[in-house]
Amino acid sequence: MTQILATRSIDAASVVLPPEIGGLKDIGGRYDLVFSDVWGVLHNGMKAHPAACEALVAIRRQGVPVILLTNAPRQAPVVTGQLDRLGVPRAAYDAIVTSGDITRDVMRTRPGEPVHHIGPRRDLVIFEDMDTRLVSIEEAAYVVCSGLVDDRVETPDDYQERLERIRARNLFFVCGNPDKVVEVGHDLIFCAGAIGDRYHAMGGEVLYAGKPFDPAYLACHEAARRILGRETPADRVLAIGDAMRTDVAGAVRMGYDSLFLAEGIHAEGVLTPEGIHAEGLAALIAETGQHPRWVMRKLVW
């Protein structure tokens, strides 16, 4: 069964805004573990955000492990290489959990079954050393979607005919990146989540291999257990991110505190040159039904 998070519409005028903090150091002592988003927090797809990287380096110096949790549809070593190239220091994190690794875990439960891939050639690494083969829709046992083939020019509308063919065969659909959009420089581009949502709206069965759903957080806790040698209670976990429907929604449903960063994919509605726009933030909370514990313009120590 497809797992979809319910949202509830609320009146923006009734929203009590989360406290705005000046830096991660203001709240760092409350937590034993940090789960941080990557794209939109540590980099924008083109370059690292040095102040954000230093904030995570600083909290790690206080003995708080940082697990990077990303909806990137590629394996953790591939993402590590990308972070190296963008200038994100390895001292900013202890481990990485990716949607690509979760997608591969799903594929391992279906050994030998042929799969139809939707996504760019750069994502073919997720099929390396897997017991499967890539085939047409008509030959496939299920579908893996890692994104749009050309996300610079295409939109989900370009996939309607393909999705209708997939739906006609009632194929199981693995969404290898639940994000709907991502920030690249100053632009927003569509991600696999936008296609997965369209297939779900058509009545198809979708597994979202990442935030805000359970498999992503279970993998993070497993990584944290290897580092700390113990379980971490949910109320001692801080989740950091810039997306209400993934980062904040996942934190809320898992019982973590969340730190929402306004300078990200929602910036147009919640930021002004003077700072966070209270009415815009209230409207966003009302629209999504998700309420973060804390808010900052961008991640700093």
C-alpha atoms as a PDB file:
ATOM      1  CA  MET A   1       0.000   0.000   0.000  1.00  0.00           C
ATOM      2  CA  THR A   2       1.214   3.474  -0.827  1.00  0.00           C
ATOM      3  CA  GLN A   3       2.251   5.459   2.243  1.00  0.00           C
ATOM      4  CA  ILE A   4       1.122   9.079   2.000  1.00  0.00           C
ATOM      5  CA  LEU A   5       1.311  11.646   4.775  1.00  0.00           C
ATOM      6  CA  ALA A   6      -1.964  13.397   5.480  1.00  0.00           C
ATOM      7  CA  THR A   7      -1.970  17.174   5.708  1.00  0.00           C
ATOM      8  CA  ARG A   8      -4.572  19.315   7.359  1.00  0.00           C
ATOM      9  CA  SER A   9      -5.620  22.774   6.340  1.00  0.00           C
ATOM     10  CA  ILE A  10      -5.505  25.314   9.158  1.00  0.00           C
ATOM     11  CA  ASP A  11      -6.119  29.031   9.413  1.00  0.00           C
ATOM     12  CA  ALA A  12      -2.903  31.020   9.032  1.00  0.00           C
ATOM     13  CA  ALA A  13      -4.191  33.603  11.490  1.00  0.00           C
ATOM     14  CA  SER A  14      -4.304  30.936  14.215  1.00  0.00           C
ATOM     15  CA  VAL A  15      -0.723  29.741  13.687  1.00  0.00           C
ATOM     16  CA  VAL A  16       1.671  30.256  16.582  1.00  0.00           C
ATOM     17  CA  LEU A  17       5.050  30.768  14.950  1.00  0.00           C
ATOM     18  CA  PRO A  18       8.031  28.678  16.079  1.00  0.00           C
ATOM     19  CA  PRO A  19      10.818  30.563  17.886  1.00  0.00           C
ATOM     20  CA  GLU A  20      13.499  31.985  15.620  1.00  0.00           C
ATOM     21  CA  ILE A  21      16.962  31.132  16.943  1.00  0.00           C
ATOM     22  CA  GLY A  22      20.218  32.905  16.214  1.00  0.00           C
ATOM     23  CA  GLY A  23      22.386  29.828  15.811  1.00  0.00           C
ATOM     24  CA  LEU A  24      22.564  26.084  16.350  1.00  0.00           C
ATOM     25  CA  LYS A  25      24.570  26.673  19.527  1.00  0.00           C
ATOM     26  CA  ASP A  26      21.426  28.123  21.138  1.00  0.00           C
ATOM     27  CA  ILE A  27      19.732  24.702  21.162  1.00  0.00           C
ATOM     28  CA  GLY A  28      22.566  22.214  20.608  1.00  0.00           C
ATOM     29  CA  GLY A  29      22.709  21.125  24.251  1.00  0.00           C
ATOM     30  CA  ARG A  30      19.170  19.728  24.053  1.00  0.00           C
ATOM     31  CA  TYR A  31      20.080  16.932  21.637  1.00  0.00           C
ATOM     32  CA  ASP A  32      22.160  13.763  21.433  1.00  0.00           C
ATOM     33  CA  LEU A  33      21.799  13.225  17.689  1.00  0.00           C
ATOM     34  CA  VAL A  34      21.279  15.340  14.561  1.00  0.00           C
ATOM     35  CA  PHE A  35      19.723  14.225  11.278  1.00  0.00           C
ATOM     36  CA  SER A  36      20.489  16.878   8.663  1.00  0.00           C
ATOM     37  CA  ASP A  37      19.223  17.359   5.145  1.00  0.00           C
ATOM     38  CA  VAL A  38      21.949  17.960   2.563  1.00  0.00           C
ATOM     39  CA  TRP A  39      20.789  19.757  -0.578  1.00  0.00           C
ATOM     40  CA  GLY A  40      19.464  23.168   0.476  1.00  0.00           C
ATOM     41  CA  VAL A  41      21.240  22.992   3.839  1.00  0.00           C
ATOM     42  CA  LEU A  42      24.911  22.220   3.167  1.00  0.00           C
ATOM     43  CA  HIS A  43      24.949  23.174  -0.519  1.00  0.00           C
ATOM     44  CA  ASN A  44      22.728  24.432  -3.328  1.00  0.00           C
ATOM     45  CA  GLY A  45      23.834  21.986  -5.987  1.00  0.00           C
ATOM     46  CA  MET A  46      26.651  24.259  -7.139  1.00  0.00           C
ATOM     47  CA  LYS A  47      28.658  25.168  -4.051  1.00  0.00           C
ATOM     48  CA  ALA A  48      28.835  24.462  -0.323  1.00  0.00           C
ATOM     49  CA  HIS A  49      27.387  26.769   2.335  1.00  0.00           C
ATOM     50  CA  PRO A  50      30.468  27.250   4.564  1.00  0.00           C
ATOM     51  CA  ALA A  51      28.602  28.572   7.623  1.00  0.00           C
ATOM     52  CA  ALA A  52      26.248  25.582   7.601  1.00  0.00           C
ATOM     53  CA  CYS A  53      29.146  23.163   7.300  1.00  0.00           C
ATOM     54  CA  GLU A  54      30.906  24.834  10.224  1.00  0.00           C
ATOM     55  CA  ALA A  55      27.737  24.598  12.334  1.00  0.00           C
ATOM     56  CA  LEU A  56      27.680  20.812  11.933  1.00  0.00           C
ATOM     57  CA  VAL A  57      31.434  20.581  12.557  1.00  0.00           C
ATOM     58  CA  ALA A  58      30.913  22.545  15.787  1.00  0.00           C
ATOM     59  CA  ILE A  59      28.079  20.410  17.139  1.00  0.00           C
ATOM     60  CA  ARG A  60      30.066  17.255  16.371  1.00  0.00           C
ATOM     61  CA  ARG A  61      32.898  18.713  18.474  1.00  0.00           C
ATOM     62  CA  GLN A  62      30.417  18.716  21.351  1.00  0.00           C
ATOM     63  CA  GLY A  63      29.963  14.960  20.958  1.00  0.00           C
ATOM     64  CA  VAL A  64      26.712  15.017  18.973  1.00  0.00           C
ATOM     65  CA  PRO A  65      26.838  12.737  15.913  1.00  0.00           C
ATOM     66  CA  VAL A  66      25.475  14.083  12.635  1.00  0.00           C
ATOM     67  CA  ILE A  67      23.795  11.748  10.149  1.00  0.00           C
ATOM     68  CA  LEU A  68      23.203  13.297   6.740  1.00  0.00           C
ATOM     69  CA  LEU A  69      19.842  12.170   5.396  1.00  0.00           C
ATOM     70  CA  THR A  70      19.336  12.901   1.731  1.00  0.00           C
ATOM     71  CA  ASN A  71      16.728  11.996  -0.854  1.00  0.00           C
ATOM     72  CA  ALA A  72      19.493  11.788  -3.455  1.00  0.00           C
ATOM     73  CA  PRO A  73      18.789   8.709  -5.627  1.00  0.00           C
ATOM     74  CA  ARG A  74      22.397   7.511  -5.521  1.00  0.00           C
ATOM     75  CA  GLN A  75      24.479   5.497  -3.075  1.00  0.00           C
ATOM     76  CA  ALA A  76      26.196   7.100  -0.078  1.00  0.00           C
ATOM     77  CA  PRO A  77      29.749   6.798  -1.548  1.00  0.00           C
ATOM     78  CA  VAL A  78      28.595   8.636  -4.677  1.00  0.00           C
ATOM     79  CA  VAL A  79      27.071  11.411  -2.556  1.00  0.00           C
ATOM     80  CA  THR A  80      30.260  11.592  -0.481  1.00  0.00           C
ATOM     81  CA  GLY A  81      32.229  12.235  -3.657  1.00  0.00           C
ATOM     82  CA  GLN A  82      29.804  14.963  -4.689  1.00  0.00           C
ATOM     83  CA  LEU A  83      30.109  16.640  -1.280  1.00  0.00           C
ATOM     84  CA  ASP A  84      33.895  16.496  -1.542  1.00  0.00           C
ATOM     85  CA  ARG A  85      33.761  18.243  -4.917  1.00  0.00           C
ATOM     86  CA  LEU A  86      31.389  20.930  -3.623  1.00  0.00           C
ATOM     87  CA  GLY A  87      33.623  21.654  -0.638  1.00  0.00           C
ATOM     88  CA  VAL A  88      31.587  20.093   2.179  1.00  0.00           C
ATOM     89  CA  PRO A  89      34.149  18.865   4.740  1.00  0.00           C
ATOM     90  CA  ARG A  90      33.904  15.301   5.975  1.00  0.00           C
ATOM     91  CA  ALA A  91      34.293  16.692   9.491  1.00  0.00           C
ATOM     92  CA  ALA A  92      30.706  17.949   9.175  1.00  0.00           C
ATOM     93  CA  TYR A  93      29.141  14.476   9.361  1.00  0.00           C
ATOM     94  CA  ASP A  94      29.525  10.954  10.702  1.00  0.00           C
ATOM     95  CA  ALA A  95      27.483   8.998   8.154  1.00  0.00           C
ATOM     96  CA  ILE A  96      25.203   9.426   5.150  1.00  0.00           C
ATOM     97  CA  VAL A  97      21.853   7.750   4.467  1.00  0.00           C
ATOM     98  CA  THR A  98      20.507   8.127   0.920  1.00  0.00           C
ATOM     99  CA  SER A  99      17.336   7.324  -0.968  1.00  0.00           C
ATOM    100  CA  GLY A 100      19.544   5.503  -3.452  1.00  0.00           C
ATOM    101  CA  ASP A 101      20.648   3.028  -0.792  1.00  0.00           C
ATOM    102  CA  ILE A 102      17.051   2.521   0.347  1.00  0.00           C
ATOM    103  CA  THR A 103      15.989   1.953  -3.278  1.00  0.00           C
ATOM    104  CA  ARG A 104      18.688  -0.697  -3.636  1.00  0.00           C
ATOM    105  CA  ASP A 105      17.386  -2.390  -0.474  1.00  0.00           C
ATOM    106  CA  VAL A 106      13.953  -2.575  -2.128  1.00  0.00           C
ATOM    107  CA  MET A 107      15.451  -4.043  -5.306  1.00  0.00           C
ATOM    108  CA  ARG A 108      17.228  -6.707  -3.251  1.00  0.00           C
ATOM    109  CA  THR A 109      13.812  -7.976  -2.145  1.00  0.00           C
ATOM    110  CA  ARG A 110      12.943  -8.622  -5.821  1.00  0.00           C
ATOM    111  CA  PRO A 111      16.020 -10.515  -7.108  1.00  0.00           C
ATOM    112  CA  GLY A 112      16.116 -11.260 -10.804  1.00  0.00           C
ATOM    113  CA  GLU A 113      13.042  -9.185 -11.644  1.00  0.00           C
ATOM    114  CA  PRO A 114      13.357  -6.854 -14.651  1.00  0.00           C
ATOM    115  CA  VAL A 115      12.866  -3.155 -13.945  1.00  0.00           C
ATOM    116  CA  HIS A 116      11.968  -0.116 -16.020  1.00  0.00           C
ATOM    117  CA  HIS A 117      14.002   2.971 -15.055  1.00  0.00           C
ATOM    118  CA  ILE A 118      12.823   6.570 -15.280  1.00  0.00           C
ATOM    119  CA  GLY A 119      15.636   9.030 -14.692  1.00  0.00           C
ATOM    120  CA  PRO A 120      18.901  10.492 -16.006  1.00  0.00           C
ATOM    121  CA  ARG A 121      21.857   8.374 -17.043  1.00  0.00           C
ATOM    122  CA  ARG A 122      23.876   9.653 -14.077  1.00  0.00           C
ATOM    123  CA  ASP A 123      21.552   7.668 -11.776  1.00  0.00           C
ATOM    124  CA  LEU A 124      22.277   4.315 -13.419  1.00  0.00           C
ATOM    125  CA  VAL A 125      24.856   3.741 -10.675  1.00  0.00           C
ATOM    126  CA  ILE A 126      22.024   2.582  -8.405  1.00  0.00           C
ATOM    127  CA  PHE A 127      21.703  -0.550 -10.535  1.00  0.00           C
ATOM    128  CA  GLU A 128      25.383  -1.493 -10.311  1.00  0.00           C
ATOM    129  CA  ASP A 129      25.946  -5.040  -8.978  1.00  0.00           C
ATOM    130  CA  MET A 130      22.195  -5.583  -8.610  1.00  0.00           C
ATOM    131  CA  ASP A 131      20.491  -8.804  -9.705  1.00  0.00           C
ATOM    132  CA  THR A 132      18.223  -7.134 -12.247  1.00  0.00           C
ATOM    133  CA  ARG A 133      18.156  -5.832 -15.807  1.00  0.00           C
ATOM    134  CA  LEU A 134      16.712  -2.677 -17.329  1.00  0.00           C
ATOM    135  CA  VAL A 135      13.839  -3.225 -19.749  1.00  0.00           C
ATOM    136  CA  SER A 136      10.912  -1.485 -21.416  1.00  0.00           C
ATOM    137  CA  ILE A 137       7.613  -0.812 -19.668  1.00  0.00           C
ATOM    138  CA  GLU A 138       6.051  -3.767 -21.454  1.00  0.00           C
ATOM    139  CA  GLU A 139       8.716  -6.161 -20.126  1.00  0.00           C
ATOM    140  CA  ALA A 140       9.088  -4.749 -16.598  1.00  0.00           C
ATOM    141  CA  ALA A 141       7.976  -6.294 -13.321  1.00  0.00           C
ATOM    142  CA  TYR A 142       8.155  -2.905 -11.599  1.00  0.00           C
ATOM    143  CA  VAL A 143       9.447   0.652 -12.046  1.00  0.00           C
ATOM    144  CA  VAL A 144      12.239   2.619 -10.371  1.00  0.00           C
ATOM    145  CA  CYS A 145      12.029   6.393 -10.823  1.00  0.00           C
ATOM    146  CA  SER A 146      15.095   8.384  -9.792  1.00  0.00           C
ATOM    147  CA  GLY A 147      14.102  11.647 -11.471  1.00  0.00           C
ATOM    148  CA  LEU A 148      13.357  13.282 -14.790  1.00  0.00           C
ATOM    149  CA  VAL A 149      15.553  12.308 -17.726  1.00  0.00           C
ATOM    150  CA  ASP A 150      16.334  15.976 -18.430  1.00  0.00           C
ATOM    151  CA  ASP A 151      15.288  17.937 -15.359  1.00  0.00           C
ATOM    152  CA  ARG A 152      16.494  21.226 -16.835  1.00  0.00           C
ATOM    153  CA  VAL A 153      13.778  21.325 -19.485  1.00  0.00           C
ATOM    154  CA  GLU A 154      11.190  18.650 -18.648  1.00  0.00           C
ATOM    155  CA  THR A 155       8.215  18.760 -16.280  1.00  0.00           C
ATOM    156  CA  PRO A 156       5.993  15.955 -14.923  1.00  0.00           C
ATOM    157  CA  ASP A 157       3.573  16.695 -17.788  1.00  0.00           C
ATOM    158  CA  ASP A 158       6.124  15.164 -20.153  1.00  0.00           C
ATOM    159  CA  TYR A 159       5.655  11.811 -18.386  1.00  0.00           C
ATOM    160  CA  GLN A 160       1.877  11.519 -18.540  1.00  0.00           C
ATOM    161  CA  GLU A 161       1.779   9.134 -21.512  1.00  0.00           C
ATOM    162  CA  ARG A 162       4.495   6.923 -19.991  1.00  0.00           C
ATOM    163  CA  LEU A 163       2.689   6.848 -16.644  1.00  0.00           C
ATOM    164  CA  GLU A 164      -0.543   5.844 -18.365  1.00  0.00           C
ATOM    165  CA  ARG A 165       1.252   2.876 -19.927  1.00  0.00           C
ATOM    166  CA  ILE A 166       2.717   1.949 -16.535  1.00  0.00           C
ATOM    167  CA  ARG A 167      -0.678   2.280 -14.859  1.00  0.00           C
ATOM    168  CA  ALA A 168      -2.312   0.139 -17.550  1.00  0.00           C
ATOM    169  CA  ARG A 169      -0.016  -2.679 -16.413  1.00  0.00           C
ATOM    170  CA  ASN A 170      -0.560  -1.799 -12.715  1.00  0.00           C
ATOM    171  CA  LEU A 171       3.181  -1.817 -12.047  1.00  0.00           C
ATOM    172  CA  PHE A 172       4.632  -1.238  -8.585  1.00  0.00           C
ATOM    173  CA  PHE A 173       6.484   2.111  -8.582  1.00  0.00           C
ATOM    174  CA  VAL A 174       9.570   2.821  -6.458  1.00  0.00           C
ATOM    175  CA  CYS A 175      10.150   6.565  -6.094  1.00  0.00           C
ATOM    176  CA  GLY A 176      13.884   6.870  -5.532  1.00  0.00           C
ATOM    177  CA  ASN A 177      13.713  10.546  -4.513  1.00  0.00           C
ATOM    178  CA  PRO A 178      10.533  11.707  -2.736  1.00  0.00           C
ATOM    179  CA  ASP A 179      11.465  15.397  -3.186  1.00  0.00           C
ATOM    180  CA  LYS A 180       9.128  17.228  -5.558  1.00  0.00           C
ATOM    181  CA  VAL A 181      11.566  20.033  -6.346  1.00  0.00           C
ATOM    182  CA  VAL A 182      15.137  20.913  -5.431  1.00  0.00           C
ATOM    183  CA  GLU A 183      17.096  24.149  -5.503  1.00  0.00           C
ATOM    184  CA  VAL A 184      19.940  24.329  -8.034  1.00  0.00           C
ATOM    185  CA  GLY A 185      21.651  27.677  -7.737  1.00  0.00           C
ATOM    186  CA  HIS A 186      18.732  30.109  -7.893  1.00  0.00           C
ATOM    187  CA  ASP A 187      16.442  27.735  -9.811  1.00  0.00           C
ATOM    188  CA  LEU A 188      13.979  25.061  -8.698  1.00  0.00           C
ATOM    189  CA  ILE A 189      13.875  21.855 -10.737  1.00  0.00           C
ATOM    190  CA  PHE A 190      11.481  18.909 -10.562  1.00  0.00           C
ATOM    191  CA  CYS A 191      12.448  15.653  -8.844  1.00  0.00           C
ATOM    192  CA  ALA A 192      11.137  12.086  -8.845  1.00  0.00           C
ATOM    193  CA  GLY A 193       8.609  12.858  -6.101  1.00  0.00           C
ATOM    194  CA  ALA A 194       6.609  14.977  -8.532  1.00  0.00           C
ATOM    195  CA  ILE A 195       6.311  11.980 -10.881  1.00  0.00           C
ATOM    196  CA  GLY A 196       5.608   9.556  -8.035  1.00  0.00           C
ATOM    197  CA  ASP A 197       2.802  11.780  -6.761  1.00  0.00           C
ATOM    198  CA  ARG A 198       1.263  11.872 -10.235  1.00  0.00           C
ATOM    199  CA  TYR A 199       1.342   8.071 -10.487  1.00  0.00           C
ATOM    200  CA  HIS A 200      -0.203   7.789  -7.024  1.00  0.00           C
ATOM    201  CA  ALA A 201      -2.963  10.207  -8.061  1.00  0.00           C
ATOM    202  CA  MET A 202      -3.686   7.845 -10.967  1.00  0.00           C
ATOM    203  CA  GLY A 203      -4.252   5.022  -8.466  1.00  0.00           C
ATOM    204  CA  GLY A 204      -0.829   3.423  -8.752  1.00  0.00           C
ATOM    205  CA  GLU A 205       1.080   1.840  -5.856  1.00  0.00           C
ATOM    206  CA  VAL A 206       4.123   3.913  -4.891  1.00  0.00           C
ATOM    207  CA  LEU A 207       6.905   3.250  -2.392  1.00  0.00           C
ATOM    208  CA  TYR A 208       8.731   6.461  -1.481  1.00  0.00           C
ATOM    209  CA  ALA A 209      12.323   5.512  -0.627  1.00  0.00           C
ATOM    210  CA  GLY A 210      13.231   8.472   1.562  1.00  0.00           C
ATOM    211  CA  LYS A 211      11.987  11.358   3.674  1.00  0.00           C
ATOM    212  CA  PRO A 212       9.412  11.761   5.129  1.00  0.00           C
ATOM    213  CA  PHE A 213       8.756   8.011   5.341  1.00  0.00           C
ATOM    214  CA  ASP A 214       9.848   5.367   7.854  1.00  0.00           C
ATOM    215  CA  PRO A 215      12.637   3.534   5.947  1.00  0.00           C
ATOM    216  CA  ALA A 216      14.802   6.661   5.841  1.00  0.00           C
ATOM    217  CA  TYR A 217      14.671   7.251   9.595  1.00  0.00           C
ATOM    218  CA  LEU A 218      15.073   3.593  10.513  1.00  0.00           C
ATOM    219  CA  ALA A 219      18.276   3.585   8.446  1.00  0.00           C
ATOM    220  CA  CYS A 220      19.461   6.735  10.257  1.00  0.00           C
ATOM    221  CA  HIS A 221      18.885   5.182  13.662  1.00  0.00           C
ATOM    222  CA  GLU A 222      20.749   2.062  12.577  1.00  0.00           C
ATOM    223  CA  ALA A 223      23.709   4.234  11.567  1.00  0.00           C
ATOM    224  CA  ALA A 224      23.517   6.113  14.875  1.00  0.00           C
ATOM    225  CA  ARG A 225      23.518   2.863  16.863  1.00  0.00           C
ATOM    226  CA  ARG A 226      26.769   1.871  15.191  1.00  0.00           C
ATOM    227  CA  ILE A 227      28.291   5.213  16.227  1.00  0.00           C
ATOM    228  CA  LEU A 228      26.874   5.583  19.745  1.00  0.00           C
ATOM    229  CA  GLY A 229      26.397   1.941  20.688  1.00  0.00           C
ATOM    230  CA  ARG A 230      22.897   2.659  21.989  1.00  0.00           C
ATOM    231  CA  GLU A 231      19.443   3.814  21.015  1.00  0.00           C
ATOM    232  CA  THR A 232      18.624   7.527  20.961  1.00  0.00           C
ATOM    233  CA  PRO A 233      15.163   8.572  22.202  1.00  0.00           C
ATOM    234  CA  ALA A 234      13.123  10.498  19.661  1.00  0.00           C
ATOM    235  CA  ASP A 235      12.935  13.563  21.904  1.00  0.00           C
ATOM    236  CA  ARG A 236      16.749  13.812  21.855  1.00  0.00           C
ATOM    237  CA  VAL A 237      16.929  13.953  18.039  1.00  0.00           C
ATOM    238  CA  LEU A 238      17.030  17.197  16.049  1.00  0.00           C
ATOM    239  CA  ALA A 239      16.124  17.082  12.345  1.00  0.00           C
ATOM    240  CA  ILE A 240      17.377  19.978  10.206  1.00  0.00           C
ATOM    241  CA  GLY A 241      16.031  20.856   6.773  1.00  0.00           C
ATOM    242  CA  ASP A 242      14.501  23.376   4.407  1.00  0.00           C
ATOM    243  CA  ALA A 243      11.465  21.427   3.143  1.00  0.00           C
ATOM    244  CA  MET A 244       8.195  21.365   5.067  1.00  0.00           C
ATOM    245  CA  ARG A 245       6.730  18.294   3.332  1.00  0.00           C
ATOM    246  CA  THR A 246       9.811  16.120   3.761  1.00  0.00           C
ATOM    247  CA  ASP A 247      12.189  17.372   6.472  1.00  0.00           C
ATOM    248  CA  VAL A 248       9.641  18.869   8.877  1.00  0.00           C
ATOM    249  CA  ALA A 249       6.840  16.402   8.142  1.00  0.00           C
ATOM    250  CA  GLY A 250       9.128  13.431   8.710  1.00  0.00           C
ATOM    251  CA  ALA A 251      10.446  14.861  11.959  1.00  0.00           C
ATOM    252  CA  VAL A 252       6.967  15.566  13.282  1.00  0.00           C
ATOM    253  CA  ARG A 253       5.660  12.094  12.540  1.00  0.00           C
ATOM    254  CA  MET A 254       8.754  10.458  14.083  1.00  0.00           C
ATOM    255  CA  GLY A 255       8.576  12.579  17.251  1.00  0.00           C
ATOM    256  CA  TYR A 256      11.767  14.595  16.653  1.00  0.00           C
ATOM    257  CA  ASP A 257      12.221  18.321  17.080  1.00  0.00           C
ATOM    258  CA  SER A 258      12.767  20.026  13.729  1.00  0.00           C
ATOM    259  CA  LEU A 259      14.779  23.078  12.752  1.00  0.00           C
ATOM    260  CA  PHE A 260      13.316  24.687   9.629  1.00  0.00           C
ATOM    261  CA  LEU A 261      15.634  26.761   7.439  1.00  0.00           C
ATOM    262  CA  ALA A 262      13.782  29.498   5.573  1.00  0.00           C
ATOM    263  CA  GLU A 263      16.521  30.099   3.005  1.00  0.00           C
ATOM    264  CA  GLY A 264      15.754  27.109   0.798  1.00  0.00           C
ATOM    265  CA  ILE A 265      12.982  25.858  -1.465  1.00  0.00           C
ATOM    266  CA  HIS A 266      10.346  27.928   0.390  1.00  0.00           C
ATOM    267  CA  ALA A 267      12.395  31.137   0.402  1.00  0.00           C
ATOM    268  CA  GLU A 268      10.204  33.030  -2.044  1.00  0.00           C
ATOM    269  CA  GLY A 269       7.241  32.967   0.314  1.00  0.00           C
ATOM    270  CA  VAL A 270       8.911  33.241   3.712  1.00  0.00           C
ATOM    271  CA  LEU A 271      11.920  35.533   3.255  1.00  0.00           C
ATOM    272  CA  THR A 272      12.335  39.246   2.691  1.00  0.00           C
ATOM    273  CA  PRO A 273      15.571  41.280   2.594  1.00  0.00           C
ATOM    274  CA  GLU A 274      14.908  42.121   6.252  1.00  0.00           C
ATOM    275  CA  GLY A 275      14.554  38.502   7.345  1.00  0.00           C
ATOM    276  CA  ILE A 276      11.852  35.887   7.901  1.00  0.00           C
ATOM    277  CA  HIS A 277       8.396  37.104   6.881  1.00  0.00           C
ATOM    278  CA  ALA A 278       6.033  36.151   9.713  1.00  0.00           C
ATOM    279  CA  GLU A 279       2.875  36.122   7.621  1.00  0.00           C
ATOM    280  CA  GLY A 280       4.543  34.097   4.887  1.00  0.00           C
ATOM    281  CA  LEU A 281       5.810  31.522   7.385  1.00  0.00           C
ATOM    282  CA  ALA A 282       2.372  31.294   9.006  1.00  0.00           C
ATOM    283  CA  ALA A 283       0.796  30.764   5.581  1.00  0.00           C
ATOM    284  CA  LEU A 284       3.287  27.994   4.772  1.00  0.00           C
ATOM    285  CA  ILE A 285       2.605  26.221   8.071  1.00  0.00           C
ATOM    286  CA  ALA A 286      -1.125  26.553   7.466  1.00  0.00           C
ATOM    287  CA  GLU A 287      -0.851  25.256   3.904  1.00  0.00           C
ATOM    288  CA  THR A 288       1.285  22.217   4.764  1.00  0.00           C
ATOM    289  CA  GLY A 289      -0.101  21.466   8.222  1.00  0.00           C
ATOM    290  CA  GLN A 290       3.492  21.028   9.436  1.00  0.00           C
ATOM    291  CA  HIS A 291       4.836  22.984  12.405  1.00  0.00           C
ATOM    292  CA  PRO A 292       8.606  23.046  13.056  1.00  0.00           C
ATOM    293  CA  ARG A 293       9.962  23.366  16.600  1.00  0.00           C
ATOM    294  CA  TRP A 294      12.532  26.025  15.633  1.00  0.00           C
ATOM    295  CA  VAL A 295      13.237  28.294  12.684  1.00  0.00           C
ATOM    296  CA  MET A 296      16.341  30.041  11.310  1.00  0.00           C
ATOM    297  CA  ARG A 297      17.050  31.934   8.128  1.00  0.00           C
ATOM    298  CA  LYS A 298      19.965  29.594   7.307  1.00  0.00           C
ATOM    299  CA  LEU A 299      22.104  27.203   9.290  1.00  0.00           C
ATOM    300  CA  VAL A 300      24.882  28.883  11.309  1.00  0.00           C
ATOM    301  CA  TRP A 301      26.568  28.039  14.572  1.00  0.00           C
END
